[in-house]
Amino acid sequence: MPEKTDTRTYRHRLVDAELGRLLKTFGGVLLTGPKMCGKTWTGKNLAASSIYLDEGDNLQNALLAPELTLAGDAPRLVDEWQLAPALWDKARRMIDESGQSGCFIFTGSAVPASGTHHTGTGRFMHLAMKPLTLYESGVSSGAVSLSALFRGEKIEPCSSSLDYEKAIRLICKGGWPAALWLDEESASDLPGGYLKMIIESDISRVDGVNRSPARAELLIRSLARNNASQAGTRALLGDMRMHEGNDVISEDTIDSYVNALKQIFVIEDQEAWLPALRSKTRIRTSPKRHFTDPSLAAAALGATVEILLKDTKTSGFLFESLCYRDLTVYAQNLKGKVYHYRDEKDLEADAVIQLPDGKWGALEVKMGSFEFDKAAKSLLKLKQKMEGTVEAPQFLAILSATGGLAYTRPDGVLVVPLDCLGP
């Protein structure tokens, strides 16, 4: 069933304000993101009329008479528009003819393979959504503001209720809006059900290529084992061939499946930060790959809370993806991007946030306080390496799952439990 807006329970999102601004400027906004992340709720919250293409005869009618599908009070929400890609060109022409802004909100959980003939530049603006951050779900106090850090403001010490077990429970629960009103046991069923739908249907439906559910399941499991790493196609190929034999699957096949998963927003790449260094040290340019929500990686591994409590290594990678999910949403609020950094000497930062004006900050993700000294040393070394090449970082921080307090270390590095961080 499509998502429905309920004004009694709608949880406001950070993209709400941006969506409102864009509708004042552009003829339409394309709101994209994974299924169940709340796109329809958010679009409906600002729409004056709406239609859901995966309901009743709406899709058939959209194919036969797109102008009737698009008719309605503006902004007109068209949910799962990618099921009828021809709507894009029709909407673009309607925007041109009316000369009005705020005509349409298109929401979609997949990128259509074909069917549109114009990019929509100047008419439609793209806006990405993700599952709920801890701040949006009410878990994080937001006492440490990312925007304030980029303004150079110091943080005030504040308390955290996050610990190792709570962090793992948040990983397994995920940021799905539907989980807000479910008990923990019921909420834990959502990620597994999501993956089942992807494997059995969506990975083939996205571009009309018939893909093997068994092979898709193996690949998703391999991606989960390599979550938050720079493992590329060859590493995935090695995992797959252990099950299918040496000659059954190729790199091209792997890439086809991976690209399909990207199109339906199951996985995404965290690109490498490439400052223009004078040093001869080479930067590793391979992206890290994350599931759009860490609960999907946990579900793919069959990792329950009880299992992850005993597996600190896997928990650490999943916690990094939880941090990446929230950081990308907070950074988007500042029009910034989240990168990672690693050079050939293995100097690294789990996240480098860079804003359009060049300001940047670096973060290391650590679950336990015993790793803080090592993380701080690495961040300070990165700062030193960048001297004379780019401006000094606005902040250096350790994102943690434990510690009980957000504070500034004597060396100037911040310690920020994830449930204290906000936009």
Protein backbone atom coordinates (compact mmCIF):
# COMPACT_ATOMS: atom_id res chain seq x y z
CA MET A 1 0.00 0.00 0.00
CA PRO A 2 1.27 3.54 -0.68
CA GLU A 3 2.26 5.76 2.20
CA LYS A 4 -0.48 8.04 3.53
CA THR A 5 -0.06 11.31 5.32
CA ASP A 6 -1.62 11.48 8.76
CA THR A 7 -1.38 15.01 10.12
CA ARG A 8 -1.75 13.65 13.64
CA THR A 9 1.43 11.66 13.38
CA TYR A 10 3.50 13.31 10.62
CA ARG A 11 7.09 13.67 11.75
CA HIS A 12 8.62 16.80 10.27
CA ARG A 13 11.76 16.25 8.23
CA LEU A 14 14.79 18.39 7.52
CA VAL A 15 13.89 18.43 3.82
CA ASP A 16 10.50 20.03 4.54
CA ALA A 17 11.88 23.55 4.52
CA GLU A 18 14.03 22.90 1.46
CA LEU A 19 11.07 21.40 -0.42
CA GLY A 20 9.00 24.47 0.40
CA ARG A 21 11.75 26.80 -0.85
CA LEU A 22 12.24 24.88 -4.08
CA LEU A 23 8.54 24.92 -4.86
CA LYS A 24 8.65 28.70 -4.77
CA THR A 25 11.38 28.74 -7.44
CA PHE A 26 10.90 25.75 -9.72
CA GLY A 27 7.92 24.37 -11.60
CA GLY A 28 8.35 21.00 -9.93
CA VAL A 29 10.44 19.08 -7.42
CA LEU A 30 11.57 15.50 -7.90
CA LEU A 31 11.71 13.88 -4.45
CA THR A 32 13.67 10.63 -4.56
CA GLY A 33 14.86 8.06 -2.07
CA PRO A 34 14.38 4.49 -0.89
CA LYS A 35 10.97 2.98 -0.33
CA MET A 36 9.47 3.50 3.12
CA CYS A 37 11.67 6.53 3.90
CA GLY A 38 8.68 8.91 4.03
CA LYS A 39 8.75 10.61 0.62
CA THR A 40 5.00 10.36 0.15
CA TRP A 41 4.27 11.68 3.63
CA THR A 42 6.59 14.62 3.06
CA GLY A 43 5.21 15.38 -0.41
CA LYS A 44 1.61 15.06 0.76
CA ASN A 45 2.32 17.41 3.65
CA LEU A 46 2.85 20.28 1.16
CA ALA A 47 0.65 19.10 -1.72
CA ALA A 48 -2.78 20.52 -2.54
CA SER A 49 -3.83 17.40 -4.49
CA SER A 50 -2.35 13.97 -5.06
CA ILE A 51 -2.47 10.74 -7.05
CA TYR A 52 -0.77 7.39 -6.36
CA LEU A 53 0.24 5.46 -9.47
CA ASP A 54 0.45 2.12 -7.68
CA GLU A 55 -3.22 2.34 -6.60
CA GLY A 56 -6.15 0.90 -8.55
CA ASP A 57 -6.31 1.89 -12.22
CA ASN A 58 -4.20 5.01 -11.77
CA LEU A 59 -1.19 3.63 -13.64
CA GLN A 60 -3.25 2.50 -16.61
CA ASN A 61 -4.99 5.87 -16.73
CA ALA A 62 -1.64 7.66 -16.53
CA LEU A 63 -0.39 5.74 -19.56
CA LEU A 64 -3.56 6.46 -21.53
CA ALA A 65 -4.22 10.06 -20.51
CA PRO A 66 -1.24 11.66 -18.73
CA GLU A 67 -2.82 15.12 -18.82
CA LEU A 68 -5.69 13.89 -16.61
CA THR A 69 -3.24 12.33 -14.16
CA LEU A 70 -1.44 15.65 -13.85
CA ALA A 71 -4.63 17.71 -13.53
CA GLY A 72 -5.36 18.96 -10.01
CA ASP A 73 -4.67 21.74 -7.58
CA ALA A 74 -1.02 22.74 -7.32
CA PRO A 75 1.27 21.54 -5.99
CA ARG A 76 0.10 18.23 -7.45
CA LEU A 77 1.74 15.16 -5.86
CA VAL A 78 2.38 12.30 -8.28
CA ASP A 79 3.59 9.33 -6.26
CA GLU A 80 5.80 6.62 -7.85
CA TRP A 81 5.85 8.63 -11.07
CA GLN A 82 8.64 6.46 -12.53
CA LEU A 83 6.02 3.80 -13.28
CA ALA A 84 4.86 6.10 -16.11
CA PRO A 85 8.01 7.97 -17.23
CA ALA A 86 6.15 9.80 -20.01
CA LEU A 87 4.57 11.95 -17.29
CA TRP A 88 7.91 13.74 -16.97
CA ASP A 89 7.84 15.31 -20.43
CA LYS A 90 4.14 16.12 -20.15
CA ALA A 91 4.66 17.85 -16.81
CA ARG A 92 7.62 19.79 -18.21
CA ARG A 93 5.47 21.10 -21.06
CA MET A 94 2.69 22.05 -18.66
CA ILE A 95 5.18 23.98 -16.54
CA ASP A 96 6.46 25.81 -19.64
CA GLU A 97 2.93 26.68 -20.72
CA SER A 98 1.79 27.94 -17.34
CA GLY A 99 4.99 29.79 -16.42
CA GLN A 100 4.18 28.99 -12.79
CA SER A 101 6.34 27.62 -9.98
CA GLY A 102 5.22 24.97 -7.52
CA CYS A 103 3.15 22.94 -9.98
CA PHE A 104 4.28 19.40 -9.17
CA ILE A 105 5.89 17.18 -6.57
CA PHE A 106 7.05 13.92 -8.15
CA THR A 107 8.09 11.20 -5.72
CA GLY A 108 9.88 8.02 -6.72
CA SER A 109 11.75 5.09 -5.19
CA ALA A 110 13.60 4.26 -8.40
CA VAL A 111 15.34 6.00 -11.26
CA PRO A 112 13.49 5.13 -14.50
CA ALA A 113 15.63 3.34 -17.07
CA SER A 114 14.08 5.16 -20.03
CA GLY A 115 11.04 7.00 -21.22
CA THR A 116 11.96 10.64 -20.60
CA HIS A 117 13.35 12.79 -23.36
CA HIS A 118 14.32 15.95 -21.50
CA THR A 119 16.33 16.46 -18.33
CA GLY A 120 13.87 18.94 -16.89
CA THR A 121 16.65 21.44 -16.17
CA GLY A 122 15.16 24.73 -15.05
CA ARG A 123 11.74 23.14 -14.55
CA PHE A 124 12.34 20.36 -12.03
CA MET A 125 14.76 20.41 -9.12
CA HIS A 126 15.98 17.17 -7.59
CA LEU A 127 15.76 16.67 -3.82
CA ALA A 128 17.04 13.51 -2.15
CA MET A 129 15.53 11.91 0.96
CA LYS A 130 16.82 9.23 3.28
CA PRO A 131 15.37 7.34 6.21
CA LEU A 132 14.96 9.26 9.47
CA THR A 133 18.07 10.54 11.22
CA LEU A 134 18.33 10.15 14.98
CA TYR A 135 17.51 13.85 15.29
CA GLU A 136 14.37 13.53 13.17
CA SER A 137 13.19 10.45 15.08
CA GLY A 138 13.68 12.21 18.42
CA VAL A 139 16.57 10.05 19.63
CA SER A 140 19.20 12.80 19.28
CA SER A 141 18.96 16.01 21.27
CA GLY A 142 20.76 17.93 18.51
CA ALA A 143 22.67 19.80 21.22
CA VAL A 144 25.78 19.74 19.01
CA SER A 145 24.79 21.47 15.78
CA LEU A 146 26.72 20.73 12.59
CA SER A 147 25.89 24.18 11.21
CA ALA A 148 27.21 25.75 14.43
CA LEU A 149 30.45 23.78 14.11
CA PHE A 150 30.91 25.19 10.61
CA ARG A 151 30.35 28.67 12.02
CA GLY A 152 33.28 28.05 14.36
CA GLU A 153 31.20 27.93 17.53
CA LYS A 154 32.47 25.97 20.49
CA ILE A 155 30.37 23.17 21.91
CA GLU A 156 29.00 23.14 25.41
CA PRO A 157 29.39 19.87 27.30
CA CYS A 158 26.16 17.90 27.12
CA SER A 159 25.11 14.46 28.25
CA SER A 160 24.32 11.42 26.13
CA SER A 161 22.22 8.35 26.84
CA LEU A 162 23.82 6.33 24.03
CA ASP A 163 25.75 3.17 24.83
CA TYR A 164 26.93 0.14 22.87
CA GLU A 165 23.73 -1.85 23.22
CA LYS A 166 21.45 1.10 22.41
CA ALA A 167 23.53 1.90 19.33
CA ILE A 168 23.11 -1.67 18.09
CA ARG A 169 19.36 -1.55 18.68
CA LEU A 170 19.18 1.67 16.65
CA ILE A 171 21.17 0.02 13.84
CA CYS A 172 18.81 -2.97 13.68
CA LYS A 173 15.67 -0.83 13.94
CA GLY A 174 16.71 1.58 11.21
CA GLY A 175 15.29 4.96 10.33
CA TRP A 176 12.00 3.83 8.81
CA PRO A 177 9.13 6.16 9.72
CA ALA A 178 6.74 3.21 10.04
CA ALA A 179 8.89 1.89 12.89
CA LEU A 180 8.13 4.94 15.04
CA TRP A 181 4.78 3.46 16.00
CA LEU A 182 5.83 -0.18 16.29
CA ASP A 183 7.31 -2.14 19.17
CA GLU A 184 10.92 -3.26 18.77
CA GLU A 185 10.07 -6.80 17.68
CA SER A 186 7.66 -5.64 14.98
CA ALA A 187 10.02 -2.88 13.82
CA SER A 188 12.80 -5.45 13.40
CA ASP A 189 10.73 -7.19 10.71
CA LEU A 190 10.72 -4.15 8.40
CA PRO A 191 14.30 -4.37 7.00
CA GLY A 192 14.03 -8.08 6.23
CA GLY A 193 10.70 -7.57 4.49
CA TYR A 194 12.20 -4.68 2.55
CA LEU A 195 15.06 -6.83 1.28
CA LYS A 196 12.70 -9.66 0.34
CA MET A 197 10.74 -7.24 -1.84
CA ILE A 198 13.97 -5.97 -3.44
CA ILE A 199 15.27 -9.48 -4.17
CA GLU A 200 12.04 -10.95 -5.51
CA SER A 201 10.79 -7.99 -7.54
CA ASP A 202 12.32 -4.53 -7.49
CA ILE A 203 15.83 -5.39 -8.66
CA SER A 204 14.38 -6.71 -11.93
CA ARG A 205 11.48 -4.30 -12.29
CA VAL A 206 13.65 -1.19 -12.10
CA ASP A 207 14.99 -1.56 -15.65
CA GLY A 208 13.12 -4.57 -17.02
CA VAL A 209 16.12 -6.91 -16.80
CA ASN A 210 15.21 -10.33 -15.42
CA ARG A 211 17.65 -10.97 -12.57
CA SER A 212 18.00 -14.10 -10.48
CA PRO A 213 16.58 -13.68 -6.95
CA ALA A 214 19.10 -16.22 -5.63
CA ARG A 215 21.99 -14.32 -7.17
CA ALA A 216 20.60 -10.99 -5.95
CA GLU A 217 20.41 -12.39 -2.41
CA LEU A 218 24.01 -13.60 -2.55
CA LEU A 219 25.22 -10.25 -3.83
CA ILE A 220 23.32 -8.28 -1.18
CA ARG A 221 24.84 -10.53 1.48
CA SER A 222 28.31 -9.90 0.04
CA LEU A 223 27.68 -6.15 -0.03
CA ALA A 224 26.64 -6.35 3.61
CA ARG A 225 29.82 -8.23 4.54
CA ASN A 226 31.81 -5.47 2.83
CA ASN A 227 29.67 -2.61 4.14
CA ALA A 228 31.47 0.70 4.81
CA SER A 229 34.58 -0.50 2.97
CA GLN A 230 36.30 0.21 -0.33
CA ALA A 231 35.72 -3.33 -1.58
CA GLY A 232 35.13 -3.22 -5.32
CA THR A 233 33.71 -5.51 -7.97
CA ARG A 234 36.55 -8.04 -7.71
CA ALA A 235 35.96 -8.55 -4.00
CA LEU A 236 32.25 -9.07 -4.60
CA LEU A 237 33.07 -11.40 -7.48
CA GLY A 238 35.24 -13.51 -5.19
CA ASP A 239 32.37 -13.87 -2.72
CA MET A 240 29.90 -14.80 -5.46
CA ARG A 241 32.16 -17.36 -7.13
CA MET A 242 32.56 -19.21 -3.86
CA HIS A 243 28.90 -20.13 -4.29
CA GLU A 244 28.42 -20.23 -8.07
CA GLY A 245 31.71 -21.52 -9.46
CA ASN A 246 34.54 -19.80 -11.30
CA ASP A 247 32.93 -19.36 -14.70
CA VAL A 248 29.29 -18.72 -13.90
CA ILE A 249 29.34 -15.02 -13.08
CA SER A 250 31.31 -12.09 -14.54
CA GLU A 251 32.30 -8.62 -13.41
CA ASP A 252 29.81 -7.14 -15.87
CA THR A 253 27.02 -9.13 -14.24
CA ILE A 254 28.05 -7.95 -10.79
CA ASP A 255 28.11 -4.34 -12.02
CA SER A 256 24.65 -4.74 -13.53
CA TYR A 257 23.20 -5.91 -10.22
CA VAL A 258 25.04 -3.21 -8.25
CA ASN A 259 23.81 -0.47 -10.58
CA ALA A 260 20.25 -1.75 -10.23
CA LEU A 261 20.55 -1.57 -6.44
CA LYS A 262 21.78 2.01 -6.74
CA GLN A 263 18.83 2.88 -8.99
CA ILE A 264 16.40 1.77 -6.28
CA PHE A 265 18.43 3.51 -3.54
CA VAL A 266 19.43 0.38 -1.64
CA ILE A 267 23.15 1.18 -1.69
CA GLU A 268 25.17 4.30 -2.36
CA ASP A 269 28.80 5.32 -2.71
CA GLN A 270 30.68 7.63 -0.36
CA GLU A 271 33.16 9.27 -2.70
CA ALA A 272 36.79 9.95 -1.80
CA TRP A 273 37.84 13.47 -0.80
CA LEU A 274 40.44 14.73 -3.26
CA PRO A 275 42.10 17.93 -2.04
CA ALA A 276 44.77 19.34 -4.34
CA LEU A 277 47.77 18.23 -2.30
CA ARG A 278 51.32 19.25 -3.08
CA SER A 279 52.51 16.09 -1.37
CA LYS A 280 53.46 13.15 -3.56
CA THR A 281 51.41 10.86 -1.34
CA ARG A 282 48.70 9.31 -3.45
CA ILE A 283 45.09 9.40 -2.30
CA ARG A 284 43.01 6.26 -2.66
CA THR A 285 40.11 7.26 -4.84
CA SER A 286 37.84 4.22 -4.52
CA PRO A 287 34.50 5.02 -2.89
CA LYS A 288 33.19 3.40 0.24
CA ARG A 289 29.86 1.69 -0.19
CA HIS A 290 27.01 1.88 2.32
CA PHE A 291 23.47 0.58 2.51
CA THR A 292 21.07 3.49 2.55
CA ASP A 293 20.15 2.41 6.07
CA PRO A 294 22.32 0.18 8.29
CA SER A 295 19.32 -1.95 9.22
CA LEU A 296 19.34 -3.35 5.67
CA ALA A 297 22.96 -4.48 6.01
CA ALA A 298 22.19 -6.05 9.40
CA ALA A 299 19.17 -7.85 7.96
CA ALA A 300 21.18 -9.12 4.98
CA LEU A 301 23.70 -10.64 7.38
CA GLY A 302 20.99 -12.10 9.59
CA ALA A 303 22.55 -10.09 12.40
CA THR A 304 20.26 -9.66 15.40
CA VAL A 305 20.94 -7.41 18.39
CA GLU A 306 22.16 -10.44 20.33
CA ILE A 307 24.59 -11.45 17.57
CA LEU A 308 25.98 -7.94 17.10
CA LEU A 309 26.55 -7.48 20.81
CA LYS A 310 29.17 -10.24 20.49
CA ASP A 311 30.63 -9.06 17.16
CA THR A 312 32.28 -5.70 17.73
CA LYS A 313 33.98 -5.62 14.32
CA THR A 314 30.75 -5.96 12.34
CA SER A 315 28.99 -3.60 14.74
CA GLY A 316 31.67 -1.00 14.11
CA PHE A 317 31.13 -1.03 10.34
CA LEU A 318 27.37 -0.85 10.77
CA PHE A 319 27.69 2.03 13.23
CA GLU A 320 29.82 3.86 10.67
CA SER A 321 26.96 3.54 8.18
CA LEU A 322 24.51 4.83 10.79
CA CYS A 323 26.74 7.89 11.25
CA TYR A 324 27.13 8.32 7.49
CA ARG A 325 23.35 8.24 7.02
CA ASP A 326 22.81 11.02 9.55
CA LEU A 327 25.79 13.10 8.45
CA THR A 328 24.66 13.13 4.81
CA VAL A 329 21.23 14.46 5.81
CA TYR A 330 22.69 17.13 8.10
CA ALA A 331 25.27 18.09 5.47
CA GLN A 332 22.60 18.31 2.76
CA ASN A 333 20.86 20.84 4.97
CA LEU A 334 24.01 22.98 4.50
CA LYS A 335 24.35 22.09 0.79
CA GLY A 336 27.45 20.10 1.72
CA LYS A 337 28.68 16.61 0.86
CA VAL A 338 30.20 13.81 2.91
CA TYR A 339 33.38 12.19 1.62
CA HIS A 340 35.95 9.82 3.06
CA TYR A 341 39.74 10.17 3.00
CA ARG A 342 42.48 7.59 2.82
CA ASP A 343 45.94 7.81 1.33
CA GLU A 344 48.55 5.20 0.43
CA LYS A 345 50.10 5.56 3.89
CA ASP A 346 46.71 4.64 5.44
CA LEU A 347 46.10 8.05 6.95
CA GLU A 348 42.32 8.24 6.91
CA ALA A 349 39.16 9.96 8.06
CA ASP A 350 35.84 8.15 8.05
CA ALA A 351 34.02 11.32 7.00
CA VAL A 352 35.08 14.65 5.55
CA ILE A 353 32.24 17.13 5.18
CA GLN A 354 32.87 19.91 2.68
CA LEU A 355 30.60 22.88 2.02
CA PRO A 356 30.31 24.78 -1.30
CA ASP A 357 32.50 27.62 0.06
CA GLY A 358 35.37 25.18 0.72
CA LYS A 359 34.96 24.95 4.49
CA TRP A 360 35.50 21.43 5.77
CA GLY A 361 35.54 19.30 8.87
CA ALA A 362 36.79 15.77 9.47
CA LEU A 363 35.36 13.02 11.64
CA GLU A 364 36.38 9.59 12.83
CA VAL A 365 33.74 7.08 13.92
CA LYS A 366 34.51 5.02 17.02
CA MET A 367 32.21 2.86 19.12
CA GLY A 368 34.40 2.77 22.21
CA SER A 369 36.29 5.42 24.18
CA PHE A 370 39.43 3.25 24.21
CA GLU A 371 39.88 4.24 20.54
CA PHE A 372 39.56 8.00 21.05
CA ASP A 373 43.28 8.79 21.46
CA LYS A 374 44.20 6.97 18.26
CA ALA A 375 41.35 8.64 16.36
CA ALA A 376 42.33 12.11 17.60
CA LYS A 377 45.95 11.54 16.62
CA SER A 378 44.88 10.57 13.10
CA LEU A 379 42.64 13.63 12.71
CA LEU A 380 45.37 15.99 13.90
CA LYS A 381 47.82 14.40 11.49
CA LEU A 382 45.35 14.97 8.64
CA LYS A 383 44.99 18.61 9.66
CA GLN A 384 48.77 19.01 9.64
CA LYS A 385 49.06 17.37 6.24
CA MET A 386 46.55 19.80 4.73
CA GLU A 387 48.37 22.92 5.97
CA GLY A 388 49.32 25.20 3.08
CA THR A 389 47.05 23.32 0.68
CA VAL A 390 43.52 23.98 1.89
CA GLU A 391 42.22 26.19 4.66
CA ALA A 392 42.28 24.81 8.19
CA PRO A 393 39.33 22.58 9.14
CA GLN A 394 36.44 24.18 10.97
CA PHE A 395 36.44 21.23 13.35
CA LEU A 396 37.83 17.77 14.01
CA ALA A 397 35.52 15.36 15.78
CA ILE A 398 35.10 11.80 16.96
CA LEU A 399 31.57 10.45 16.55
CA SER A 400 30.97 7.87 19.24
CA ALA A 401 28.46 5.35 20.52
CA THR A 402 29.72 5.61 24.09
CA GLY A 403 31.31 8.12 26.39
CA GLY A 404 28.30 9.67 28.08
CA LEU A 405 29.27 13.25 27.25
CA ALA A 406 29.95 15.58 24.33
CA TYR A 407 33.04 17.64 25.08
CA THR A 408 36.24 19.14 23.70
CA ARG A 409 39.47 17.29 24.39
CA PRO A 410 42.60 19.20 25.48
CA ASP A 411 44.01 18.71 21.96
CA GLY A 412 40.98 20.50 20.48
CA VAL A 413 39.33 17.40 18.99
CA LEU A 414 35.63 17.12 19.79
CA VAL A 415 34.01 13.99 21.15
CA VAL A 416 30.37 13.85 20.06
CA PRO A 417 28.06 10.93 20.86
CA LEU A 418 25.78 10.43 17.86
CA ASP A 419 22.67 11.10 19.96
CA CYS A 420 23.95 14.63 20.63
CA LEU A 421 24.51 15.55 16.97
CA GLY A 422 21.98 17.49 14.92
CA PRO A 423 21.69 19.85 11.98
